N, C-alpha and C. Protein backbone atom coordinates (compact mmCIF):
# COMPACT_ATOMS: atom_id res chain seq x y z
N MET A 1 26.28 45.43 -48.19
CA MET A 1 25.80 45.45 -49.92
C MET A 1 26.37 44.89 -50.66
N ALA A 2 26.27 43.63 -51.06
CA ALA A 2 26.58 43.08 -51.64
C ALA A 2 27.00 43.26 -52.90
N ILE A 3 28.77 43.13 -53.06
CA ILE A 3 29.11 43.84 -55.15
C ILE A 3 29.51 42.39 -55.44
N ARG A 4 28.54 43.13 -57.14
CA ARG A 4 28.38 41.28 -57.87
C ARG A 4 29.27 41.71 -59.18
N CYS A 5 29.79 40.52 -59.36
CA CYS A 5 31.28 40.97 -60.69
C CYS A 5 30.44 39.61 -61.91
N LYS A 6 30.49 40.16 -62.87
CA LYS A 6 30.42 39.35 -64.05
C LYS A 6 31.56 38.04 -64.04
N GLY A 7 31.73 37.51 -64.33
CA GLY A 7 32.84 35.99 -65.43
C GLY A 7 34.51 37.19 -65.43
N THR A 8 33.92 37.71 -66.40
CA THR A 8 35.98 38.56 -67.28
C THR A 8 36.04 39.01 -66.10
N ALA A 9 34.88 40.85 -65.57
CA ALA A 9 35.39 40.99 -64.43
C ALA A 9 35.89 40.47 -63.30
N CYS A 10 35.13 39.54 -63.10
CA CYS A 10 35.62 38.72 -61.36
C CYS A 10 37.14 37.66 -61.23
N VAL A 11 37.88 37.90 -62.95
CA VAL A 11 38.46 36.89 -62.70
C VAL A 11 39.30 38.31 -62.82
N ALA A 12 39.63 38.86 -63.78
CA ALA A 12 40.43 40.81 -64.18
C ALA A 12 41.13 41.45 -62.02
N LEU A 13 39.44 41.21 -61.56
CA LEU A 13 39.94 41.37 -60.38
C LEU A 13 40.64 40.77 -59.45
N ALA A 14 40.05 39.37 -59.28
CA ALA A 14 41.50 38.43 -58.45
C ALA A 14 42.57 38.31 -59.12
N GLY A 15 42.55 38.39 -60.39
CA GLY A 15 44.71 38.40 -61.51
C GLY A 15 45.06 39.79 -60.12
N MET A 16 44.63 40.81 -59.82
CA MET A 16 44.53 42.28 -59.52
C MET A 16 45.17 42.30 -58.19
N LEU A 17 44.13 41.33 -57.41
CA LEU A 17 44.70 40.95 -55.94
C LEU A 17 45.73 40.37 -55.65
N LEU A 18 45.62 39.08 -56.82
CA LEU A 18 46.41 37.89 -56.76
C LEU A 18 48.09 38.48 -56.64
N TYR A 19 47.85 39.87 -58.44
CA TYR A 19 49.22 40.09 -58.85
C TYR A 19 50.38 40.94 -57.54
N GLY A 20 49.53 41.15 -56.31
CA GLY A 20 50.16 42.20 -55.01
C GLY A 20 50.51 41.31 -54.33
N CYS A 21 50.51 39.93 -54.61
CA CYS A 21 50.95 38.32 -53.55
C CYS A 21 52.33 38.17 -54.17
N SER A 22 52.47 38.73 -55.78
CA SER A 22 53.58 38.03 -56.75
C SER A 22 54.81 38.19 -55.48
N ALA A 23 56.47 37.77 -56.22
CA ALA A 23 56.79 37.82 -55.67
C ALA A 23 57.77 38.95 -55.83
N THR A 24 59.32 39.38 -54.88
CA THR A 24 59.40 40.74 -55.96
C THR A 24 60.85 40.06 -56.16
N PRO A 25 61.15 40.12 -56.88
CA PRO A 25 62.76 38.99 -57.30
C PRO A 25 63.71 40.09 -57.44
N ARG A 26 63.36 41.67 -57.96
CA ARG A 26 64.51 43.09 -57.96
C ARG A 26 64.39 42.96 -57.10
N PHE A 27 63.49 43.09 -55.53
CA PHE A 27 63.41 43.79 -54.44
C PHE A 27 64.74 42.47 -53.93
N ASP A 28 64.16 41.52 -53.69
CA ASP A 28 64.74 40.25 -53.07
C ASP A 28 66.60 40.50 -53.23
N LYS A 29 66.74 40.68 -54.54
CA LYS A 29 68.22 40.21 -54.89
C LYS A 29 69.05 41.80 -54.40
N GLN A 30 68.48 42.81 -53.34
CA GLN A 30 69.24 43.86 -52.66
C GLN A 30 68.63 43.85 -51.18
N PHE A 31 67.81 42.84 -51.05
CA PHE A 31 67.29 42.55 -49.62
C PHE A 31 69.49 42.85 -48.49
N GLY A 32 68.33 43.11 -47.96
CA GLY A 32 69.56 43.21 -46.63
C GLY A 32 70.97 44.41 -47.23
N SER A 33 71.51 45.00 -48.53
CA SER A 33 72.41 45.65 -48.69
C SER A 33 72.29 47.03 -47.93
N ALA A 34 71.72 47.44 -47.25
CA ALA A 34 71.64 48.95 -46.55
C ALA A 34 72.20 49.00 -45.03
N VAL A 35 71.79 47.15 -44.35
CA VAL A 35 72.33 47.09 -42.85
C VAL A 35 73.72 46.57 -43.75
N ARG A 36 74.22 45.60 -44.93
CA ARG A 36 75.65 45.71 -44.80
C ARG A 36 75.82 46.46 -44.94
N ALA A 37 76.19 47.93 -45.48
CA ALA A 37 76.77 48.97 -46.48
C ALA A 37 76.86 50.40 -44.50
N ASN A 38 75.47 49.83 -43.74
CA ASN A 38 75.67 50.32 -42.49
C ASN A 38 77.25 49.70 -41.52
N VAL A 39 77.01 48.10 -41.28
CA VAL A 39 78.05 47.52 -40.85
C VAL A 39 79.54 47.80 -41.39
N ALA A 40 79.68 47.95 -42.61
CA ALA A 40 81.05 47.98 -43.45
C ALA A 40 81.55 49.37 -42.82
N ALA A 41 80.16 50.85 -43.04
CA ALA A 41 80.85 51.27 -42.62
C ALA A 41 81.71 51.90 -40.87
N GLN A 42 80.31 51.12 -40.01
CA GLN A 42 81.12 50.41 -38.51
C GLN A 42 82.39 50.44 -38.18
N VAL A 43 82.35 49.06 -39.30
CA VAL A 43 84.24 48.99 -39.10
C VAL A 43 85.21 49.07 -40.22
N LEU A 44 84.46 50.13 -40.80
CA LEU A 44 85.30 50.96 -41.85
C LEU A 44 87.09 51.41 -40.93
N ASP A 45 87.14 51.70 -39.94
CA ASP A 45 87.86 51.13 -39.26
C ASP A 45 88.48 51.14 -37.60
N PRO A 46 88.85 49.81 -37.51
CA PRO A 46 88.69 48.96 -36.85
C PRO A 46 89.82 49.36 -35.49
N ALA A 47 90.94 50.08 -36.05
CA ALA A 47 91.78 50.69 -34.70
C ALA A 47 91.50 51.92 -34.36
N ALA A 48 90.10 52.59 -34.29
CA ALA A 48 89.72 53.95 -34.00
C ALA A 48 89.82 54.17 -32.82
N ALA A 49 89.46 52.86 -31.75
CA ALA A 49 89.84 53.06 -30.42
C ALA A 49 90.89 53.35 -29.64
N ALA A 50 91.83 52.96 -30.61
CA ALA A 50 93.29 52.83 -30.26
C ALA A 50 93.83 54.27 -30.47
N ASN A 51 92.80 54.60 -30.78
CA ASN A 51 93.16 56.87 -31.25
C ASN A 51 93.44 57.79 -30.32
N THR A 52 94.42 57.79 -29.35
CA THR A 52 94.39 58.74 -28.83
C THR A 52 94.50 59.91 -28.82
N ASN A 53 94.91 60.28 -30.11
CA ASN A 53 94.14 62.07 -30.63
C ASN A 53 93.02 63.09 -30.47
N PRO A 54 92.63 63.40 -29.20
CA PRO A 54 90.90 63.86 -29.67
C PRO A 54 90.83 64.34 -30.51
N ALA A 55 89.26 64.24 -31.11
CA ALA A 55 88.45 64.95 -31.84
C ALA A 55 88.93 66.19 -32.41
N ALA A 56 88.72 66.78 -33.17
CA ALA A 56 88.78 68.08 -33.35
C ALA A 56 86.92 68.49 -33.26
N GLY A 57 86.72 70.02 -32.66
CA GLY A 57 84.99 69.49 -32.30
C GLY A 57 84.85 71.12 -31.98
N MET A 58 84.24 71.24 -31.19
CA MET A 58 83.57 72.13 -30.61
C MET A 58 84.63 72.24 -29.27
N GLU A 59 84.43 74.00 -28.84
CA GLU A 59 85.63 73.95 -27.41
C GLU A 59 85.48 74.12 -26.62
N GLY A 60 85.41 73.30 -25.20
CA GLY A 60 85.21 72.80 -23.83
C GLY A 60 83.70 73.71 -23.26
N ALA A 61 83.73 74.84 -23.03
CA ALA A 61 82.40 75.85 -22.68
C ALA A 61 81.30 74.81 -23.58
N ALA A 62 81.43 75.34 -24.87
CA ALA A 62 80.45 75.17 -25.44
C ALA A 62 79.87 73.91 -25.70
N ALA A 63 80.46 73.24 -25.44
CA ALA A 63 80.32 71.20 -25.31
C ALA A 63 79.14 71.71 -23.68
N VAL A 64 79.76 72.05 -22.88
CA VAL A 64 79.48 72.12 -21.77
C VAL A 64 77.76 72.43 -21.54
N ILE A 65 77.67 73.75 -21.91
CA ILE A 65 75.85 74.17 -22.68
C ILE A 65 75.37 73.55 -23.06
N ALA A 66 75.73 73.26 -23.81
CA ALA A 66 75.33 72.36 -24.87
C ALA A 66 75.01 70.52 -24.08
N HIS A 67 75.79 70.24 -23.59
CA HIS A 67 75.63 69.19 -22.67
C HIS A 67 74.45 69.57 -21.68
N GLU A 68 74.36 70.27 -21.11
CA GLU A 68 73.33 71.29 -19.86
C GLU A 68 71.90 71.34 -20.64
N ARG A 69 71.67 72.40 -21.78
CA ARG A 69 70.38 72.33 -22.34
C ARG A 69 70.05 71.50 -22.97
N TYR A 70 70.74 69.62 -23.30
CA TYR A 70 70.63 68.35 -23.59
C TYR A 70 69.81 67.56 -22.13
N GLU A 71 70.60 67.69 -21.01
CA GLU A 71 70.10 67.37 -19.79
C GLU A 71 68.26 67.81 -19.32
N ASN A 72 68.73 68.71 -19.31
CA ASN A 72 67.63 70.11 -18.30
C ASN A 72 66.42 69.66 -19.78
N SER A 73 66.63 69.04 -21.11
CA SER A 73 65.94 68.48 -22.02
C SER A 73 64.11 68.07 -21.68
N PHE A 74 64.79 66.39 -20.81
CA PHE A 74 64.82 65.88 -20.44
C PHE A 74 63.49 65.97 -18.94
N LYS A 75 64.22 67.40 -18.26
CA LYS A 75 62.96 67.76 -17.73
C LYS A 75 62.32 68.23 -17.13
N GLU A 76 62.62 69.25 -18.47
CA GLU A 76 61.36 70.52 -18.06
C GLU A 76 60.31 69.47 -19.23
N PRO A 77 59.36 70.09 -19.30
CA PRO A 77 58.16 69.52 -19.95
C PRO A 77 57.97 71.10 -21.83
N GLU A 78 57.94 70.07 -22.54
CA GLU A 78 58.60 70.85 -23.61
C GLU A 78 57.05 71.92 -23.67
N LYS A 79 57.61 72.40 -24.13
CA LYS A 79 56.44 74.15 -24.73
C LYS A 79 55.11 73.66 -25.33
N PRO A 80 54.28 73.86 -25.64
CA PRO A 80 53.78 74.17 -26.45
C PRO A 80 53.20 75.38 -27.12
N ILE A 81 52.94 74.56 -28.68
CA ILE A 81 53.05 75.31 -30.02
C ILE A 81 52.25 76.24 -30.32
N ARG A 82 51.85 76.97 -30.57
CA ARG A 82 50.71 77.83 -30.93
C ARG A 82 50.46 77.84 -32.38
N ALA A 83 49.46 77.32 -32.86
CA ALA A 83 48.90 77.07 -33.75
C ALA A 83 48.78 78.86 -34.75
N LEU A 84 49.73 78.31 -36.15
CA LEU A 84 48.80 79.93 -37.02
C LEU A 84 48.46 79.67 -37.50
N VAL A 85 47.39 80.59 -38.06
CA VAL A 85 45.96 81.19 -38.28
C VAL A 85 45.98 81.78 -39.36
N VAL A 86 45.49 81.80 -40.15
CA VAL A 86 45.79 82.39 -41.28
C VAL A 86 44.40 82.27 -41.68
N SER A 87 43.81 84.03 -42.01
CA SER A 87 42.41 83.80 -42.39
C SER A 87 42.52 83.66 -44.09
N GLY A 88 41.13 83.43 -44.85
CA GLY A 88 41.05 83.40 -46.25
C GLY A 88 41.08 84.28 -46.56
N VAL A 89 41.26 84.82 -47.49
CA VAL A 89 41.19 85.28 -49.22
C VAL A 89 40.05 85.94 -48.86
N GLY A 90 39.82 87.84 -48.72
CA GLY A 90 38.52 88.69 -48.90
C GLY A 90 37.99 88.04 -47.41
N SER A 91 38.30 87.78 -47.04
CA SER A 91 37.63 87.76 -45.32
C SER A 91 38.05 89.08 -43.84
N LYS A 92 37.00 89.33 -43.09
CA LYS A 92 37.04 90.60 -42.62
C LYS A 92 37.35 90.36 -41.09
């Protein structure tokens, strides 16, 4: 089925389609700012690798259990999730 349009309608349609191809100066000004922020966060402390003080966090036994659970998650297939079926209002 061919779509026909009259003069003004065709010009308006073509204008709307071409508007999507326009330049985006407000986005171009901020292009790459997220990447620059991530790089800045990663190099916030360049001497962090030389820090020999261990980070406070999980106790050793809990960390071992969590790590074993993580390792085993790749060995065992994930169990299927049963769908929750909710009946409609007033159904018998």
